[in-house]
Amino acid sequence: MHTMEVLEVEDHGVVPVSGEAGPLAAGGFGPHRPGSPAAGGGAAGGPSFAVDGWRVRWQGWSFRVGFTHREGLVLYDLEFLGRSVLKRAACNEMYVPYLDPNSTQYRKNFFDLG
């Protein structure tokens, strides 16, 4: 950055888009997980998640939801089937590659300043 030089360029060539159609029918990738509603339909038996204060439980996942003025959404004590996955996760910025060649739209960055 100090010398404003490009040190390396990676070019992976043209990557073809797959022409293969995936199994789009319900159950095409295997059976539904318990508690998951069928695609395209509402949850006839009620929601597939439970909220108790800040705690959310959903299909084996359990986590607490919080917010800070600097980071926005923060997840705490993320567990899957009782096993700890993360203690704290936050995402305070987002990079969106729109792939529009216009110089003002090529990429956009969003920063949460609180």
PDB file of N, CA and C in Angstrom:
ATOM      1  N   MET A   1       0.811  -1.192   0.000  1.00  0.00           N
ATOM      2  CA  MET A   1       0.000   0.000   0.000  1.00  0.00           C
ATOM      3  C   MET A   1       0.858   1.261   0.000  1.00  0.00           C
ATOM      4  N   HIS A   2       1.990   1.206   0.666  1.00  0.00           N
ATOM      5  CA  HIS A   2       2.823   2.414   0.749  1.00  0.00           C
ATOM      6  C   HIS A   2       3.402   2.797  -0.608  1.00  0.00           C
ATOM      7  N   THR A   3       3.744   1.794  -1.428  1.00  0.00           N
ATOM      8  CA  THR A   3       4.350   2.081  -2.728  1.00  0.00           C
ATOM      9  C   THR A   3       3.318   2.161  -3.845  1.00  0.00           C
ATOM     10  N   MET A   4       2.054   1.842  -3.543  1.00  0.00           N
ATOM     11  CA  MET A   4       0.965   1.870  -4.518  1.00  0.00           C
ATOM     12  C   MET A   4       1.284   1.013  -5.742  1.00  0.00           C
ATOM     13  N   GLU A   5       1.830  -0.192  -5.492  1.00  0.00           N
ATOM     14  CA  GLU A   5       2.173  -1.121  -6.569  1.00  0.00           C
ATOM     15  C   GLU A   5       1.272  -2.350  -6.505  1.00  0.00           C
ATOM     16  N   VAL A   6       1.006  -2.925  -7.665  1.00  0.00           N
ATOM     17  CA  VAL A   6       0.317  -4.210  -7.738  1.00  0.00           C
ATOM     18  C   VAL A   6       1.402  -5.278  -7.696  1.00  0.00           C
ATOM     19  N   LEU A   7       1.372  -6.137  -6.696  1.00  0.00           N
ATOM     20  CA  LEU A   7       2.414  -7.138  -6.537  1.00  0.00           C
ATOM     21  C   LEU A   7       2.087  -8.454  -7.220  1.00  0.00           C
ATOM     22  N   GLU A   8       0.814  -8.767  -7.309  1.00  0.00           N
ATOM     23  CA  GLU A   8       0.442 -10.056  -7.880  1.00  0.00           C
ATOM     24  C   GLU A   8      -1.003  -9.988  -8.367  1.00  0.00           C
ATOM     25  N   VAL A   9      -1.272 -10.644  -9.490  1.00  0.00           N
ATOM     26  CA  VAL A   9      -2.629 -10.736 -10.024  1.00  0.00           C
ATOM     27  C   VAL A   9      -2.937 -12.212 -10.226  1.00  0.00           C
ATOM     28  N   GLU A  10      -4.049 -12.658  -9.681  1.00  0.00           N
ATOM     29  CA  GLU A  10      -4.480 -14.037  -9.874  1.00  0.00           C
ATOM     30  C   GLU A  10      -5.551 -14.070 -10.948  1.00  0.00           C
ATOM     31  N   ASP A  11      -5.351 -14.896 -11.958  1.00  0.00           N
ATOM     32  CA  ASP A  11      -6.338 -15.053 -13.020  1.00  0.00           C
ATOM     33  C   ASP A  11      -6.622 -16.539 -13.165  1.00  0.00           C
ATOM     34  N   HIS A  12      -7.816 -16.903 -12.824  1.00  0.00           N
ATOM     35  CA  HIS A  12      -8.189 -18.310 -12.876  1.00  0.00           C
ATOM     36  C   HIS A  12      -8.875 -18.672 -14.187  1.00  0.00           C
ATOM     37  N   GLY A  13      -8.855 -17.776 -15.149  1.00  0.00           N
ATOM     38  CA  GLY A  13      -9.457 -18.036 -16.440  1.00  0.00           C
ATOM     39  C   GLY A  13     -10.976 -18.025 -16.367  1.00  0.00           C
ATOM     40  N   VAL A  14     -11.585 -18.486 -17.443  1.00  0.00           N
ATOM     41  CA  VAL A  14     -13.038 -18.531 -17.505  1.00  0.00           C
ATOM     42  C   VAL A  14     -13.522 -19.760 -16.754  1.00  0.00           C
ATOM     43  N   VAL A  15     -14.422 -19.568 -15.840  1.00  0.00           N
ATOM     44  CA  VAL A  15     -15.004 -20.676 -15.087  1.00  0.00           C
ATOM     45  C   VAL A  15     -16.409 -20.899 -15.625  1.00  0.00           C
ATOM     46  N   PRO A  16     -16.637 -22.026 -16.296  1.00  0.00           N
ATOM     47  CA  PRO A  16     -17.958 -22.249 -16.885  1.00  0.00           C
ATOM     48  C   PRO A  16     -19.025 -22.492 -15.828  1.00  0.00           C
ATOM     49  N   VAL A  17     -20.226 -22.035 -16.120  1.00  0.00           N
ATOM     50  CA  VAL A  17     -21.356 -22.268 -15.243  1.00  0.00           C
ATOM     51  C   VAL A  17     -21.896 -23.659 -15.531  1.00  0.00           C
ATOM     52  N   SER A  18     -22.187 -24.408 -14.513  1.00  0.00           N
ATOM     53  CA  SER A  18     -22.688 -25.764 -14.684  1.00  0.00           C
ATOM     54  C   SER A  18     -24.045 -25.755 -15.374  1.00  0.00           C
ATOM     55  N   GLY A  19     -24.216 -26.631 -16.332  1.00  0.00           N
ATOM     56  CA  GLY A  19     -25.490 -26.767 -17.023  1.00  0.00           C
ATOM     57  C   GLY A  19     -26.386 -27.793 -16.357  1.00  0.00           C
ATOM     58  N   GLU A  20     -25.860 -28.456 -15.340  1.00  0.00           N
ATOM     59  CA  GLU A  20     -26.610 -29.503 -14.648  1.00  0.00           C
ATOM     60  C   GLU A  20     -27.633 -28.885 -13.703  1.00  0.00           C
ATOM     61  N   ALA A  21     -28.850 -29.355 -13.815  1.00  0.00           N
ATOM     62  CA  ALA A  21     -29.896 -28.876 -12.912  1.00  0.00           C
ATOM     63  C   ALA A  21     -29.887 -29.723 -11.645  1.00  0.00           C
ATOM     64  N   GLY A  22     -30.017 -29.075 -10.520  1.00  0.00           N
ATOM     65  CA  GLY A  22     -30.058 -29.800  -9.252  1.00  0.00           C
ATOM     66  C   GLY A  22     -31.447 -30.348  -8.979  1.00  0.00           C
ATOM     67  N   PRO A  23     -31.540 -31.246  -7.999  1.00  0.00           N
ATOM     68  CA  PRO A  23     -32.855 -31.788  -7.631  1.00  0.00           C
ATOM     69  C   PRO A  23     -33.663 -30.750  -6.871  1.00  0.00           C
ATOM     70  N   LEU A  24     -34.580 -30.105  -7.546  1.00  0.00           N
ATOM     71  CA  LEU A  24     -35.327 -29.005  -6.942  1.00  0.00           C
ATOM     72  C   LEU A  24     -36.602 -29.453  -6.246  1.00  0.00           C
ATOM     73  N   ALA A  25     -36.986 -30.695  -6.431  1.00  0.00           N
ATOM     74  CA  ALA A  25     -38.206 -31.185  -5.787  1.00  0.00           C
ATOM     75  C   ALA A  25     -37.959 -31.381  -4.294  1.00  0.00           C
ATOM     76  N   ALA A  26     -39.034 -31.279  -3.503  1.00  0.00           N
ATOM     77  CA  ALA A  26     -38.927 -31.502  -2.057  1.00  0.00           C
ATOM     78  C   ALA A  26     -38.336 -32.879  -1.798  1.00  0.00           C
ATOM     79  N   GLY A  27     -37.349 -32.959  -0.937  1.00  0.00           N
ATOM     80  CA  GLY A  27     -36.701 -34.223  -0.605  1.00  0.00           C
ATOM     81  C   GLY A  27     -35.623 -34.613  -1.593  1.00  0.00           C
ATOM     82  N   GLY A  28     -35.313 -33.757  -2.567  1.00  0.00           N
ATOM     83  CA  GLY A  28     -34.310 -34.082  -3.583  1.00  0.00           C
ATOM     84  C   GLY A  28     -32.912 -34.239  -3.029  1.00  0.00           C
ATOM     85  N   PHE A  29     -32.607 -33.582  -1.924  1.00  0.00           N
ATOM     86  CA  PHE A  29     -31.291 -33.674  -1.302  1.00  0.00           C
ATOM     87  C   PHE A  29     -31.312 -34.558  -0.069  1.00  0.00           C
ATOM     88  N   GLY A  30     -32.414 -35.241   0.164  1.00  0.00           N
ATOM     89  CA  GLY A  30     -32.540 -36.102   1.334  1.00  0.00           C
ATOM     90  C   GLY A  30     -33.734 -35.677   2.158  1.00  0.00           C
ATOM     91  N   PRO A  31     -33.985 -36.379   3.225  1.00  0.00           N
ATOM     92  CA  PRO A  31     -35.169 -36.061   4.035  1.00  0.00           C
ATOM     93  C   PRO A  31     -35.011 -34.729   4.760  1.00  0.00           C
ATOM     94  N   HIS A  32     -36.137 -34.117   5.059  1.00  0.00           N
ATOM     95  CA  HIS A  32     -36.122 -32.874   5.824  1.00  0.00           C
ATOM     96  C   HIS A  32     -35.650 -33.151   7.247  1.00  0.00           C
ATOM     97  N   ARG A  33     -34.958 -32.168   7.819  1.00  0.00           N
ATOM     98  CA  ARG A  33     -34.583 -32.285   9.225  1.00  0.00           C
ATOM     99  C   ARG A  33     -35.842 -32.169  10.066  1.00  0.00           C
ATOM    100  N   PRO A  34     -35.869 -32.815  11.200  1.00  0.00           N
ATOM    101  CA  PRO A  34     -37.039 -32.670  12.070  1.00  0.00           C
ATOM    102  C   PRO A  34     -37.256 -31.215  12.446  1.00  0.00           C
ATOM    103  N   GLY A  35     -38.495 -30.773  12.355  1.00  0.00           N
ATOM    104  CA  GLY A  35     -38.823 -29.404  12.725  1.00  0.00           C
ATOM    105  C   GLY A  35     -38.714 -28.414  11.602  1.00  0.00           C
ATOM    106  N   SER A  36     -38.238 -28.835  10.411  1.00  0.00           N
ATOM    107  CA  SER A  36     -38.140 -27.888   9.308  1.00  0.00           C
ATOM    108  C   SER A  36     -39.400 -27.974   8.465  1.00  0.00           C
ATOM    109  N   PRO A  37     -40.004 -26.825   8.169  1.00  0.00           N
ATOM    110  CA  PRO A  37     -41.218 -26.839   7.354  1.00  0.00           C
ATOM    111  C   PRO A  37     -40.892 -27.174   5.916  1.00  0.00           C
ATOM    112  N   ALA A  38     -41.851 -27.705   5.185  1.00  0.00           N
ATOM    113  CA  ALA A  38     -41.651 -27.989   3.774  1.00  0.00           C
ATOM    114  C   ALA A  38     -41.423 -26.693   3.019  1.00  0.00           C
ATOM    115  N   ALA A  39     -40.621 -26.754   1.960  1.00  0.00           N
ATOM    116  CA  ALA A  39     -40.326 -25.567   1.174  1.00  0.00           C
ATOM    117  C   ALA A  39     -41.599 -25.009   0.563  1.00  0.00           C
ATOM    118  N   GLY A  40     -41.725 -23.701   0.621  1.00  0.00           N
ATOM    119  CA  GLY A  40     -42.863 -23.045   0.004  1.00  0.00           C
ATOM    120  C   GLY A  40     -44.110 -23.013   0.871  1.00  0.00           C
ATOM    121  N   GLY A  41     -44.072 -23.654   1.993  1.00  0.00           N
ATOM    122  CA  GLY A  41     -45.260 -23.671   2.851  1.00  0.00           C
ATOM    123  C   GLY A  41     -44.979 -23.038   4.187  1.00  0.00           C
ATOM    124  N   GLY A  42     -46.008 -22.660   4.851  1.00  0.00           N
ATOM    125  CA  GLY A  42     -45.862 -22.105   6.194  1.00  0.00           C
ATOM    126  C   GLY A  42     -45.713 -23.225   7.202  1.00  0.00           C
ATOM    127  N   ALA A  43     -45.420 -22.870   8.401  1.00  0.00           N
ATOM    128  CA  ALA A  43     -45.273 -23.857   9.467  1.00  0.00           C
ATOM    129  C   ALA A  43     -46.664 -24.143  10.037  1.00  0.00           C
ATOM    130  N   ALA A  44     -47.256 -25.242   9.592  1.00  0.00           N
ATOM    131  CA  ALA A  44     -48.625 -25.561  10.003  1.00  0.00           C
ATOM    132  C   ALA A  44     -48.728 -25.795  11.511  1.00  0.00           C
ATOM    133  N   GLY A  45     -47.712 -26.405  12.106  1.00  0.00           N
ATOM    134  CA  GLY A  45     -47.742 -26.693  13.529  1.00  0.00           C
ATOM    135  C   GLY A  45     -47.132 -25.592  14.367  1.00  0.00           C
ATOM    136  N   GLY A  46     -46.952 -24.408  13.786  1.00  0.00           N
ATOM    137  CA  GLY A  46     -46.302 -23.317  14.503  1.00  0.00           C
ATOM    138  C   GLY A  46     -44.863 -23.167  14.044  1.00  0.00           C
ATOM    139  N   PRO A  47     -44.130 -22.208  14.590  1.00  0.00           N
ATOM    140  CA  PRO A  47     -42.744 -21.984  14.149  1.00  0.00           C
ATOM    141  C   PRO A  47     -41.836 -23.140  14.553  1.00  0.00           C
ATOM    142  N   SER A  48     -40.748 -23.294  13.785  1.00  0.00           N
ATOM    143  CA  SER A  48     -39.793 -24.367  14.072  1.00  0.00           C
ATOM    144  C   SER A  48     -38.685 -23.894  15.003  1.00  0.00           C
ATOM    145  N   PHE A  49     -38.865 -22.750  15.637  1.00  0.00           N
ATOM    146  CA  PHE A  49     -37.869 -22.212  16.557  1.00  0.00           C
ATOM    147  C   PHE A  49     -38.564 -21.801  17.854  1.00  0.00           C
ATOM    148  N   ALA A  50     -37.758 -21.615  18.899  1.00  0.00           N
ATOM    149  CA  ALA A  50     -38.291 -21.156  20.188  1.00  0.00           C
ATOM    150  C   ALA A  50     -37.437 -20.005  20.675  1.00  0.00           C
ATOM    151  N   VAL A  51     -38.092 -18.969  21.184  1.00  0.00           N
ATOM    152  CA  VAL A  51     -37.393 -17.800  21.703  1.00  0.00           C
ATOM    153  C   VAL A  51     -37.762 -17.641  23.167  1.00  0.00           C
ATOM    154  N   ASP A  52     -36.737 -17.569  24.018  1.00  0.00           N
ATOM    155  CA  ASP A  52     -36.942 -17.372  25.445  1.00  0.00           C
ATOM    156  C   ASP A  52     -36.054 -16.211  25.871  1.00  0.00           C
ATOM    157  N   GLY A  53     -36.615 -15.009  25.887  1.00  0.00           N
ATOM    158  CA  GLY A  53     -35.797 -13.828  26.177  1.00  0.00           C
ATOM    159  C   GLY A  53     -34.834 -13.588  25.031  1.00  0.00           C
ATOM    160  N   TRP A  54     -33.518 -13.614  25.347  1.00  0.00           N
ATOM    161  CA  TRP A  54     -32.500 -13.425  24.322  1.00  0.00           C
ATOM    162  C   TRP A  54     -32.059 -14.744  23.697  1.00  0.00           C
ATOM    163  N   ARG A  55     -32.488 -15.865  24.261  1.00  0.00           N
ATOM    164  CA  ARG A  55     -32.074 -17.195  23.786  1.00  0.00           C
ATOM    165  C   ARG A  55     -32.964 -17.659  22.647  1.00  0.00           C
ATOM    166  N   VAL A  56     -32.344 -18.156  21.569  1.00  0.00           N
ATOM    167  CA  VAL A  56     -33.066 -18.723  20.426  1.00  0.00           C
ATOM    168  C   VAL A  56     -32.633 -20.174  20.278  1.00  0.00           C
ATOM    169  N   ARG A  57     -33.601 -21.052  20.079  1.00  0.00           N
ATOM    170  CA  ARG A  57     -33.329 -22.471  19.826  1.00  0.00           C
ATOM    171  C   ARG A  57     -34.003 -22.848  18.518  1.00  0.00           C
ATOM    172  N   TRP A  58     -33.224 -23.506  17.622  1.00  0.00           N
ATOM    173  CA  TRP A  58     -33.750 -23.842  16.308  1.00  0.00           C
ATOM    174  C   TRP A  58     -32.978 -25.020  15.731  1.00  0.00           C
ATOM    175  N   GLN A  59     -33.651 -26.122  15.505  1.00  0.00           N
ATOM    176  CA  GLN A  59     -33.097 -27.311  14.858  1.00  0.00           C
ATOM    177  C   GLN A  59     -31.719 -27.711  15.387  1.00  0.00           C
ATOM    178  N   GLY A  60     -31.588 -27.813  16.668  1.00  0.00           N
ATOM    179  CA  GLY A  60     -30.328 -28.227  17.279  1.00  0.00           C
ATOM    180  C   GLY A  60     -29.390 -27.071  17.613  1.00  0.00           C
ATOM    181  N   TRP A  61     -29.655 -25.899  17.063  1.00  0.00           N
ATOM    182  CA  TRP A  61     -28.843 -24.721  17.346  1.00  0.00           C
ATOM    183  C   TRP A  61     -29.404 -23.981  18.550  1.00  0.00           C
ATOM    184  N   SER A  62     -28.520 -23.371  19.302  1.00  0.00           N
ATOM    185  CA  SER A  62     -28.909 -22.551  20.435  1.00  0.00           C
ATOM    186  C   SER A  62     -27.934 -21.387  20.512  1.00  0.00           C
ATOM    187  N   PHE A  63     -28.475 -20.171  20.660  1.00  0.00           N
ATOM    188  CA  PHE A  63     -27.611 -19.000  20.766  1.00  0.00           C
ATOM    189  C   PHE A  63     -28.379 -17.861  21.414  1.00  0.00           C
ATOM    190  N   ARG A  64     -27.627 -16.886  21.917  1.00  0.00           N
ATOM    191  CA  ARG A  64     -28.217 -15.668  22.464  1.00  0.00           C
ATOM    192  C   ARG A  64     -27.988 -14.548  21.471  1.00  0.00           C
ATOM    193  N   VAL A  65     -28.972 -13.667  21.342  1.00  0.00           N
ATOM    194  CA  VAL A  65     -28.900 -12.547  20.412  1.00  0.00           C
ATOM    195  C   VAL A  65     -28.692 -11.263  21.204  1.00  0.00           C
ATOM    196  N   GLY A  66     -27.802 -10.428  20.735  1.00  0.00           N
ATOM    197  CA  GLY A  66     -27.573  -9.136  21.355  1.00  0.00           C
ATOM    198  C   GLY A  66     -27.239  -8.097  20.299  1.00  0.00           C
ATOM    199  N   PHE A  67     -27.164  -6.861  20.723  1.00  0.00           N
ATOM    200  CA  PHE A  67     -26.837  -5.765  19.832  1.00  0.00           C
ATOM    201  C   PHE A  67     -25.900  -4.808  20.558  1.00  0.00           C
ATOM    202  N   THR A  68     -24.960  -4.245  19.817  1.00  0.00           N
ATOM    203  CA  THR A  68     -24.117  -3.188  20.370  1.00  0.00           C
ATOM    204  C   THR A  68     -24.188  -1.988  19.441  1.00  0.00           C
ATOM    205  N   HIS A  69     -23.881  -0.808  19.959  1.00  0.00           N
ATOM    206  CA  HIS A  69     -23.957   0.393  19.131  1.00  0.00           C
ATOM    207  C   HIS A  69     -22.876   0.434  18.069  1.00  0.00           C
ATOM    208  N   ARG A  70     -21.781  -0.284  18.254  1.00  0.00           N
ATOM    209  CA  ARG A  70     -20.708  -0.283  17.262  1.00  0.00           C
ATOM    210  C   ARG A  70     -20.794  -1.444  16.282  1.00  0.00           C
ATOM    211  N   GLU A  71     -21.255  -2.603  16.727  1.00  0.00           N
ATOM    212  CA  GLU A  71     -21.212  -3.798  15.883  1.00  0.00           C
ATOM    213  C   GLU A  71     -22.566  -4.233  15.347  1.00  0.00           C
ATOM    214  N   GLY A  72     -23.628  -3.714  15.882  1.00  0.00           N
ATOM    215  CA  GLY A  72     -24.947  -4.165  15.439  1.00  0.00           C
ATOM    216  C   GLY A  72     -25.260  -5.519  16.044  1.00  0.00           C
ATOM    217  N   LEU A  73     -25.701  -6.448  15.219  1.00  0.00           N
ATOM    218  CA  LEU A  73     -26.081  -7.782  15.681  1.00  0.00           C
ATOM    219  C   LEU A  73     -24.874  -8.558  16.205  1.00  0.00           C
ATOM    220  N   VAL A  74     -25.012  -9.164  17.377  1.00  0.00           N
ATOM    221  CA  VAL A  74     -23.970 -10.000  17.972  1.00  0.00           C
ATOM    222  C   VAL A  74     -24.624 -11.298  18.447  1.00  0.00           C
ATOM    223  N   LEU A  75     -24.016 -12.423  18.115  1.00  0.00           N
ATOM    224  CA  LEU A  75     -24.481 -13.724  18.599  1.00  0.00           C
ATOM    225  C   LEU A  75     -23.531 -14.201  19.684  1.00  0.00           C
ATOM    226  N   TYR A  76     -24.105 -14.721  20.770  1.00  0.00           N
ATOM    227  CA  TYR A  76     -23.320 -15.198  21.904  1.00  0.00           C
ATOM    228  C   TYR A  76     -23.631 -16.662  22.164  1.00  0.00           C
ATOM    229  N   ASP A  77     -22.654 -17.382  22.700  1.00  0.00           N
ATOM    230  CA  ASP A  77     -22.821 -18.768  23.160  1.00  0.00           C
ATOM    231  C   ASP A  77     -23.509 -19.634  22.115  1.00  0.00           C
ATOM    232  N   LEU A  78     -22.990 -19.631  20.906  1.00  0.00           N
ATOM    233  CA  LEU A  78     -23.544 -20.421  19.810  1.00  0.00           C
ATOM    234  C   LEU A  78     -23.187 -21.888  20.024  1.00  0.00           C
ATOM    235  N   GLU A  79     -24.201 -22.731  20.083  1.00  0.00           N
ATOM    236  CA  GLU A  79     -24.014 -24.175  20.297  1.00  0.00           C
ATOM    237  C   GLU A  79     -24.806 -24.951  19.267  1.00  0.00           C
ATOM    238  N   PHE A  80     -24.308 -26.133  18.927  1.00  0.00           N
ATOM    239  CA  PHE A  80     -25.055 -27.059  18.076  1.00  0.00           C
ATOM    240  C   PHE A  80     -25.115 -28.398  18.791  1.00  0.00           C
ATOM    241  N   LEU A  81     -26.324 -28.848  19.050  1.00  0.00           N
ATOM    242  CA  LEU A  81     -26.572 -30.101  19.781  1.00  0.00           C
ATOM    243  C   LEU A  81     -25.793 -30.144  21.093  1.00  0.00           C
ATOM    244  N   GLY A  82     -25.766 -28.992  21.797  1.00  0.00           N
ATOM    245  CA  GLY A  82     -25.126 -28.920  23.102  1.00  0.00           C
ATOM    246  C   GLY A  82     -23.626 -28.725  23.063  1.00  0.00           C
ATOM    247  N   ARG A  83     -23.037 -28.672  21.869  1.00  0.00           N
ATOM    248  CA  ARG A  83     -21.586 -28.519  21.749  1.00  0.00           C
ATOM    249  C   ARG A  83     -21.253 -27.077  21.357  1.00  0.00           C
ATOM    250  N   SER A  84     -20.348 -26.459  22.082  1.00  0.00           N
ATOM    251  CA  SER A  84     -19.986 -25.063  21.840  1.00  0.00           C
ATOM    252  C   SER A  84     -19.322 -24.889  20.477  1.00  0.00           C
ATOM    253  N   VAL A  85     -19.802 -23.910  19.705  1.00  0.00           N
ATOM    254  CA  VAL A  85     -19.241 -23.605  18.396  1.00  0.00           C
ATOM    255  C   VAL A  85     -18.512 -22.265  18.437  1.00  0.00           C
ATOM    256  N   LEU A  86     -19.171 -21.241  18.974  1.00  0.00           N
ATOM    257  CA  LEU A  86     -18.583 -19.908  19.104  1.00  0.00           C
ATOM    258  C   LEU A  86     -19.020 -19.290  20.427  1.00  0.00           C
ATOM    259  N   LYS A  87     -18.168 -18.503  21.004  1.00  0.00           N
ATOM    260  CA  LYS A  87     -18.555 -17.752  22.202  1.00  0.00           C
ATOM    261  C   LYS A  87     -19.163 -16.414  21.827  1.00  0.00           C
ATOM    262  N   ARG A  88     -18.642 -15.783  20.761  1.00  0.00           N
ATOM    263  CA  ARG A  88     -19.146 -14.481  20.357  1.00  0.00           C
ATOM    264  C   ARG A  88     -18.867 -14.279  18.876  1.00  0.00           C
ATOM    265  N   ALA A  89     -19.866 -13.801  18.145  1.00  0.00           N
ATOM    266  CA  ALA A  89     -19.697 -13.527  16.715  1.00  0.00           C
ATOM    267  C   ALA A  89     -20.404 -12.222  16.383  1.00  0.00           C
ATOM    268  N   ALA A  90     -19.698 -11.346  15.669  1.00  0.00           N
ATOM    269  CA  ALA A  90     -20.287 -10.077  15.254  1.00  0.00           C
ATOM    270  C   ALA A  90     -19.776  -9.738  13.863  1.00  0.00           C
ATOM    271  N   CYS A  91     -20.589  -9.055  13.105  1.00  0.00           N
ATOM    272  CA  CYS A  91     -20.196  -8.616  11.772  1.00  0.00           C
ATOM    273  C   CYS A  91     -20.604  -7.161  11.633  1.00  0.00           C
ATOM    274  N   ASN A  92     -19.639  -6.266  11.732  1.00  0.00           N
ATOM    275  CA  ASN A  92     -19.976  -4.847  11.712  1.00  0.00           C
ATOM    276  C   ASN A  92     -19.716  -4.179  10.381  1.00  0.00           C
ATOM    277  N   GLU A  93     -19.299  -4.937   9.377  1.00  0.00           N
ATOM    278  CA  GLU A  93     -19.156  -4.352   8.059  1.00  0.00           C
ATOM    279  C   GLU A  93     -19.517  -5.406   7.023  1.00  0.00           C
ATOM    280  N   MET A  94     -19.868  -4.938   5.852  1.00  0.00           N
ATOM    281  CA  MET A  94     -20.316  -5.855   4.821  1.00  0.00           C
ATOM    282  C   MET A  94     -19.740  -5.394   3.490  1.00  0.00           C
ATOM    283  N   TYR A  95     -19.189  -6.328   2.740  1.00  0.00           N
ATOM    284  CA  TYR A  95     -18.657  -6.045   1.414  1.00  0.00           C
ATOM    285  C   TYR A  95     -19.604  -6.672   0.404  1.00  0.00           C
ATOM    286  N   VAL A  96     -20.094  -5.897  -0.557  1.00  0.00           N
ATOM    287  CA  VAL A  96     -21.046  -6.401  -1.534  1.00  0.00           C
ATOM    288  C   VAL A  96     -20.486  -6.200  -2.931  1.00  0.00           C
ATOM    289  N   PRO A  97     -20.038  -7.270  -3.595  1.00  0.00           N
ATOM    290  CA  PRO A  97     -19.570  -7.126  -4.982  1.00  0.00           C
ATOM    291  C   PRO A  97     -20.754  -7.186  -5.946  1.00  0.00           C
ATOM    292  N   TYR A  98     -21.182  -6.045  -6.460  1.00  0.00           N
ATOM    293  CA  TYR A  98     -22.343  -5.999  -7.341  1.00  0.00           C
ATOM    294  C   TYR A  98     -22.008  -6.390  -8.778  1.00  0.00           C
ATOM    295  N   LEU A  99     -20.731  -6.418  -9.138  1.00  0.00           N
ATOM    296  CA  LEU A  99     -20.262  -6.794 -10.475  1.00  0.00           C
ATOM    297  C   LEU A  99     -20.794  -5.865 -11.557  1.00  0.00           C
ATOM    298  N   ASP A 100     -21.112  -4.662 -11.211  1.00  0.00           N
ATOM    299  CA  ASP A 100     -21.503  -3.642 -12.175  1.00  0.00           C
ATOM    300  C   ASP A 100     -20.222  -2.882 -12.521  1.00  0.00           C
ATOM    301  N   PRO A 101     -19.831  -2.818 -13.804  1.00  0.00           N
ATOM    302  CA  PRO A 101     -18.550  -2.183 -14.152  1.00  0.00           C
ATOM    303  C   PRO A 101     -18.503  -0.685 -13.917  1.00  0.00           C
ATOM    304  N   ASN A 102     -19.635  -0.045 -13.650  1.00  0.00           N
ATOM    305  CA  ASN A 102     -19.654   1.383 -13.376  1.00  0.00           C
ATOM    306  C   ASN A 102     -18.757   1.666 -12.168  1.00  0.00           C
ATOM    307  N   SER A 103     -17.925   2.696 -12.268  1.00  0.00           N
ATOM    308  CA  SER A 103     -16.946   2.965 -11.204  1.00  0.00           C
ATOM    309  C   SER A 103     -17.587   3.263  -9.857  1.00  0.00           C
ATOM    310  N   THR A 104     -18.823   3.746  -9.842  1.00  0.00           N
ATOM    311  CA  THR A 104     -19.461   4.036  -8.559  1.00  0.00           C
ATOM    312  C   THR A 104     -20.239   2.843  -8.008  1.00  0.00           C
ATOM    313  N   GLN A 105     -20.415   1.798  -8.808  1.00  0.00           N
ATOM    314  CA  GLN A 105     -21.218   0.651  -8.379  1.00  0.00           C
ATOM    315  C   GLN A 105     -20.427  -0.649  -8.294  1.00  0.00           C
ATOM    316  N   TYR A 106     -19.160  -0.632  -8.694  1.00  0.00           N
ATOM    317  CA  TYR A 106     -18.381  -1.866  -8.757  1.00  0.00           C
ATOM    318  C   TYR A 106     -18.363  -2.602  -7.423  1.00  0.00           C
ATOM    319  N   ARG A 107     -18.174  -1.870  -6.363  1.00  0.00           N
ATOM    320  CA  ARG A 107     -18.229  -2.476  -5.041  1.00  0.00           C
ATOM    321  C   ARG A 107     -18.747  -1.434  -4.057  1.00  0.00           C
ATOM    322  N   LYS A 108     -19.385  -1.921  -3.040  1.00  0.00           N
ATOM    323  CA  LYS A 108     -19.888  -1.019  -2.015  1.00  0.00           C
ATOM    324  C   LYS A 108     -19.509  -1.588  -0.662  1.00  0.00           C
ATOM    325  N   ASN A 109     -19.142  -0.745   0.250  1.00  0.00           N
ATOM    326  CA  ASN A 109     -18.831  -1.142   1.613  1.00  0.00           C
ATOM    327  C   ASN A 109     -19.787  -0.449   2.556  1.00  0.00           C
ATOM    328  N   PHE A 110     -20.269  -1.199   3.519  1.00  0.00           N
ATOM    329  CA  PHE A 110     -21.162  -0.656   4.530  1.00  0.00           C
ATOM    330  C   PHE A 110     -20.478  -0.810   5.879  1.00  0.00           C
ATOM    331  N   PHE A 111     -20.335   0.266   6.591  1.00  0.00           N
ATOM    332  CA  PHE A 111     -19.719   0.244   7.900  1.00  0.00           C
ATOM    333  C   PHE A 111     -20.707   0.749   8.929  1.00  0.00           C
ATOM    334  N   ASP A 112     -20.843   0.030   9.990  1.00  0.00           N
ATOM    335  CA  ASP A 112     -21.745   0.431  11.065  1.00  0.00           C
ATOM    336  C   ASP A 112     -20.955   1.284  12.055  1.00  0.00           C
ATOM    337  N   LEU A 113     -21.232   2.559  12.076  1.00  0.00           N
ATOM    338  CA  LEU A 113     -20.506   3.458  12.956  1.00  0.00           C
ATOM    339  C   LEU A 113     -21.230   3.738  14.251  1.00  0.00           C
ATOM    340  N   GLY A 114     -22.383   3.080  14.450  1.00  0.00           N
ATOM    341  CA  GLY A 114     -23.102   3.251  15.685  1.00  0.00           C
ATOM    342  C   GLY A 114     -24.084   4.390  15.690  1.00  0.00           C
TER     343      GLY A 114
END
